[in-house]
C-alpha atoms as a PDB file:
ATOM      1  CA  MET A   1     125.980 301.755 105.091  1.00  0.00           C
ATOM      2  CA  ALA A   2     125.988 304.563 102.203  1.00  0.00           C
ATOM      3  CA  LEU A   3     127.112 303.535  99.129  1.00  0.00           C
ATOM      4  CA  LYS A   4     130.472 303.440  97.792  1.00  0.00           C
ATOM      5  CA  PHE A   5     130.781 304.050  94.426  1.00  0.00           C
ATOM      6  CA  GLU A   6     134.410 302.209  94.187  1.00  0.00           C
ATOM      7  CA  GLU A   7     132.733 299.717  95.407  1.00  0.00           C
ATOM      8  CA  LEU A   8     130.595 299.251  92.405  1.00  0.00           C
ATOM      9  CA  ALA A   9     130.722 297.156  89.564  1.00  0.00           C
ATOM     10  CA  VAL A  10     128.970 296.132  86.256  1.00  0.00           C
ATOM     11  CA  GLY A  11     126.178 293.436  86.190  1.00  0.00           C
ATOM     12  CA  GLN A  12     126.500 293.546  89.913  1.00  0.00           C
ATOM     13  CA  ASP A  13     122.808 292.604  91.466  1.00  0.00           C
ATOM     14  CA  ILE A  14     120.629 295.950  93.327  1.00  0.00           C
ATOM     15  CA  GLY A  15     118.020 293.220  94.120  1.00  0.00           C
ATOM     16  CA  SER A  16     114.402 292.020  93.963  1.00  0.00           C
ATOM     17  CA  ARG A  17     110.788 292.439  95.364  1.00  0.00           C
ATOM     18  CA  SER A  18     107.501 291.274  94.499  1.00  0.00           C
ATOM     19  CA  ILE A  19     105.226 294.320  94.615  1.00  0.00           C
ATOM     20  CA  ASP A  20     101.109 293.292  95.351  1.00  0.00           C
ATOM     21  CA  VAL A  21      98.573 295.651  93.932  1.00  0.00           C
ATOM     22  CA  THR A  22      94.802 295.661  95.169  1.00  0.00           C
ATOM     23  CA  ARG A  23      91.735 297.466  93.693  1.00  0.00           C
ATOM     24  CA  GLN A  24      91.838 299.634  96.691  1.00  0.00           C
ATOM     25  CA  ASP A  25      95.523 300.290  95.777  1.00  0.00           C
ATOM     26  CA  LEU A  26      94.886 301.874  92.669  1.00  0.00           C
ATOM     27  CA  VAL A  27      91.746 303.854  94.138  1.00  0.00           C
ATOM     28  CA  LYS A  28      94.249 305.286  96.196  1.00  0.00           C
ATOM     29  CA  TYR A  29      97.114 306.505  93.760  1.00  0.00           C
ATOM     30  CA  ALA A  30      94.607 307.874  92.209  1.00  0.00           C
ATOM     31  CA  GLY A  31      93.590 310.206  94.992  1.00  0.00           C
ATOM     32  CA  ALA A  32      96.668 311.095  95.214  1.00  0.00           C
ATOM     33  CA  SER A  33      98.156 311.458  91.246  1.00  0.00           C
ATOM     34  CA  GLY A  34      94.274 312.761  90.743  1.00  0.00           C
ATOM     35  CA  ASP A  35      94.142 310.662  88.184  1.00  0.00           C
ATOM     36  CA  PHE A  36      91.038 308.779  88.093  1.00  0.00           C
ATOM     37  CA  ASN A  37      90.266 306.739  84.544  1.00  0.00           C
ATOM     38  CA  PRO A  38      87.402 304.824  84.828  1.00  0.00           C
ATOM     39  CA  ILE A  39      89.926 302.204  83.721  1.00  0.00           C
ATOM     40  CA  HIS A  40      91.816 302.034  87.241  1.00  0.00           C
ATOM     41  CA  TRP A  41      88.536 300.881  88.814  1.00  0.00           C
ATOM     42  CA  ASN A  42      85.947 299.705  86.290  1.00  0.00           C
ATOM     43  CA  GLU A  43      85.592 296.619  85.446  1.00  0.00           C
ATOM     44  CA  SER A  44      82.538 297.281  82.912  1.00  0.00           C
ATOM     45  CA  PHE A  45      84.129 301.035  81.831  1.00  0.00           C
ATOM     46  CA  ALA A  46      87.095 298.746  81.102  1.00  0.00           C
ATOM     47  CA  ALA A  47      85.667 296.220  79.207  1.00  0.00           C
ATOM     48  CA  SER A  48      83.291 298.927  77.047  1.00  0.00           C
ATOM     49  CA  VAL A  49      86.566 300.332  75.747  1.00  0.00           C
ATOM     50  CA  GLU A  50      88.249 296.800  75.083  1.00  0.00           C
ATOM     51  CA  LEU A  51      90.970 296.248  77.881  1.00  0.00           C
ATOM     52  CA  PRO A  52      90.721 292.643  79.193  1.00  0.00           C
ATOM     53  CA  GLY A  53      90.126 294.279  82.633  1.00  0.00           C
ATOM     54  CA  VAL A  54      91.122 296.829  85.442  1.00  0.00           C
ATOM     55  CA  ILE A  55      94.905 297.814  84.921  1.00  0.00           C
ATOM     56  CA  ALA A  56      96.785 299.485  86.543  1.00  0.00           C
ATOM     57  CA  HIS A  57      98.066 303.356  86.332  1.00  0.00           C
ATOM     58  CA  GLY A  58     101.347 303.267  84.561  1.00  0.00           C
ATOM     59  CA  MET A  59     102.641 305.271  86.670  1.00  0.00           C
ATOM     60  CA  PHE A  60     101.910 303.017  89.458  1.00  0.00           C
ATOM     61  CA  THR A  61     103.058 300.473  87.585  1.00  0.00           C
ATOM     62  CA  MET A  62     106.817 303.134  87.162  1.00  0.00           C
ATOM     63  CA  GLY A  63     106.904 304.616  90.548  1.00  0.00           C
ATOM     64  CA  SER A  64     106.298 300.522  92.669  1.00  0.00           C
ATOM     65  CA  ALA A  65     109.480 299.927  89.914  1.00  0.00           C
ATOM     66  CA  VAL A  66     111.266 302.652  91.255  1.00  0.00           C
ATOM     67  CA  GLN A  67     111.278 301.947  94.746  1.00  0.00           C
ATOM     68  CA  LEU A  68     113.313 299.316  94.978  1.00  0.00           C
ATOM     69  CA  VAL A  69     116.670 302.114  93.442  1.00  0.00           C
ATOM     70  CA  SER A  70     115.957 304.432  96.178  1.00  0.00           C
ATOM     71  CA  ASP A  71     115.142 301.703  98.848  1.00  0.00           C
ATOM     72  CA  TRP A  72     118.771 300.526  97.725  1.00  0.00           C
ATOM     73  CA  ALA A  73     120.268 304.030  97.564  1.00  0.00           C
ATOM     74  CA  GLY A  74     119.277 304.972 100.969  1.00  0.00           C
ATOM     75  CA  ASP A  75     118.258 308.337  99.652  1.00  0.00           C
ATOM     76  CA  PRO A  76     115.907 308.770  97.161  1.00  0.00           C
ATOM     77  CA  ALA A  77     117.307 312.158  96.194  1.00  0.00           C
ATOM     78  CA  ALA A  78     119.889 309.922  94.967  1.00  0.00           C
ATOM     79  CA  VAL A  79     117.765 308.629  91.865  1.00  0.00           C
ATOM     80  CA  VAL A  80     118.176 311.415  89.480  1.00  0.00           C
ATOM     81  CA  ASP A  81     116.605 310.077  86.464  1.00  0.00           C
ATOM     82  CA  TYR A  82     114.696 307.223  85.940  1.00  0.00           C
ATOM     83  CA  GLN A  83     113.243 306.187  81.988  1.00  0.00           C
ATOM     84  CA  THR A  84     110.743 303.460  81.097  1.00  0.00           C
ATOM     85  CA  ARG A  85     109.043 302.498  77.845  1.00  0.00           C
ATOM     86  CA  PHE A  86     105.465 301.145  78.495  1.00  0.00           C
ATOM     87  CA  THR A  87     105.061 298.064  77.091  1.00  0.00           C
ATOM     88  CA  LYS A  88     102.268 296.047  78.540  1.00  0.00           C
ATOM     89  CA  PRO A  89      99.271 296.798  81.422  1.00  0.00           C
ATOM     90  CA  VAL A  90      98.999 295.381  84.918  1.00  0.00           C
ATOM     91  CA  LEU A  91      95.581 293.244  84.834  1.00  0.00           C
ATOM     92  CA  VAL A  92      94.478 293.459  88.477  1.00  0.00           C
ATOM     93  CA  THR A  93      91.137 291.516  89.660  1.00  0.00           C
ATOM     94  CA  ASP A  94      89.170 292.227  92.501  1.00  0.00           C
ATOM     95  CA  THR A  95      90.206 290.258  95.311  1.00  0.00           C
ATOM     96  CA  THR A  96      88.276 292.732  97.497  1.00  0.00           C
ATOM     97  CA  GLY A  97      87.434 290.803 100.706  1.00  0.00           C
ATOM     98  CA  THR A  98      89.974 288.779 100.535  1.00  0.00           C
ATOM     99  CA  SER A  99      93.914 288.570 101.789  1.00  0.00           C
ATOM    100  CA  GLU A 100      95.092 288.137  98.222  1.00  0.00           C
ATOM    101  CA  PRO A 101      96.454 290.828  96.093  1.00  0.00           C
ATOM    102  CA  GLY A 102      94.708 291.451  92.170  1.00  0.00           C
ATOM    103  CA  ALA A 103      98.207 291.912  91.243  1.00  0.00           C
ATOM    104  CA  VAL A 104     102.084 291.081  91.797  1.00  0.00           C
ATOM    105  CA  ILE A 105     104.377 292.813  90.093  1.00  0.00           C
ATOM    106  CA  GLU A 106     107.693 291.910  90.295  1.00  0.00           C
ATOM    107  CA  VAL A 107     111.415 293.966  89.910  1.00  0.00           C
ATOM    108  CA  ALA A 108     115.112 292.848  89.416  1.00  0.00           C
ATOM    109  CA  GLY A 109     118.284 295.209  89.118  1.00  0.00           C
ATOM    110  CA  VAL A 110     121.605 295.060  88.122  1.00  0.00           C
ATOM    111  CA  VAL A 111     124.304 298.102  87.319  1.00  0.00           C
ATOM    112  CA  GLY A 112     124.093 298.894  83.703  1.00  0.00           C
ATOM    113  CA  ALA A 113     127.271 301.063  83.367  1.00  0.00           C
ATOM    114  CA  LEU A 114     129.296 302.878  85.932  1.00  0.00           C
ATOM    115  CA  ASP A 115     130.709 306.743  85.087  1.00  0.00           C
ATOM    116  CA  GLY A 116     133.138 308.029  87.156  1.00  0.00           C
ATOM    117  CA  ASP A 117     133.775 311.288  86.104  1.00  0.00           C
ATOM    118  CA  ALA A 118     129.755 311.669  87.650  1.00  0.00           C
ATOM    119  CA  ARG A 119     130.128 309.081  90.004  1.00  0.00           C
ATOM    120  CA  THR A 120     126.810 307.171  88.856  1.00  0.00           C
ATOM    121  CA  ALA A 121     125.015 304.318  88.547  1.00  0.00           C
ATOM    122  CA  ARG A 122     122.580 303.211  86.169  1.00  0.00           C
ATOM    123  CA  ILE A 123     120.462 300.635  87.176  1.00  0.00           C
ATOM    124  CA  ASP A 124     118.395 298.675  84.429  1.00  0.00           C
ATOM    125  CA  LEU A 125     115.160 297.526  86.189  1.00  0.00           C
ATOM    126  CA  THR A 126     113.128 294.333  84.940  1.00  0.00           C
ATOM    127  CA  VAL A 127     109.929 294.338  85.186  1.00  0.00           C
ATOM    128  CA  THR A 128     107.372 291.889  84.571  1.00  0.00           C
ATOM    129  CA  PHE A 129     103.674 291.079  85.610  1.00  0.00           C
ATOM    130  CA  GLY A 130     102.624 287.627  84.579  1.00  0.00           C
ATOM    131  CA  GLY A 131     105.550 286.289  83.234  1.00  0.00           C
ATOM    132  CA  GLN A 132     105.666 289.162  80.619  1.00  0.00           C
ATOM    133  CA  LYS A 133     107.871 292.466  80.581  1.00  0.00           C
ATOM    134  CA  VAL A 134     105.685 294.939  80.990  1.00  0.00           C
ATOM    135  CA  LEU A 135     107.763 298.390  81.358  1.00  0.00           C
ATOM    136  CA  MET A 136     111.613 298.072  78.559  1.00  0.00           C
ATOM    137  CA  LYS A 137     114.146 300.067  79.381  1.00  0.00           C
ATOM    138  CA  SER A 138     113.467 301.147  82.657  1.00  0.00           C
ATOM    139  CA  GLN A 139     116.412 302.839  83.980  1.00  0.00           C
ATOM    140  CA  ALA A 140     117.417 305.074  86.872  1.00  0.00           C
ATOM    141  CA  VAL A 141     120.844 306.658  87.603  1.00  0.00           C
ATOM    142  CA  VAL A 142     121.856 306.867  90.996  1.00  0.00           C
ATOM    143  CA  LYS A 143     124.285 310.214  91.810  1.00  0.00           C
ATOM    144  CA  LEU A 144     127.258 308.438  94.689  1.00  0.00           C
ATOM    145  CA  ALA A 145     128.732 310.770  96.682  1.00  0.00           C
END
């Protein structure tokens, strides 16, 4: 079912999801993105630069979060703008050999604003890890037919 601009309201919930993250996910993302910074996979290196542990790539977190909007819109091309501010890292513990994730990112979205002339909806995302916001002012603009 296609989204209809006329059926949207400011404050409307678009859903939420939990995103399990493992160290293997970070290694795969490094390969896909070309970002092989060892803070994203090497515990001892991360500690040597005074990080509390291995952290997820900021763009991995950002991209994982906006997937909620793409799925809601039903078309990734409908997302015409996406911006955020990074505020805290997502620490990913080593759970190799288990079925447990190393981190869980929580994402929830609501319609924050509507522009009738442009037929766009601004979706405001709340993105947390361990109960703390890791992205601030995380907003995607969706163009609707």
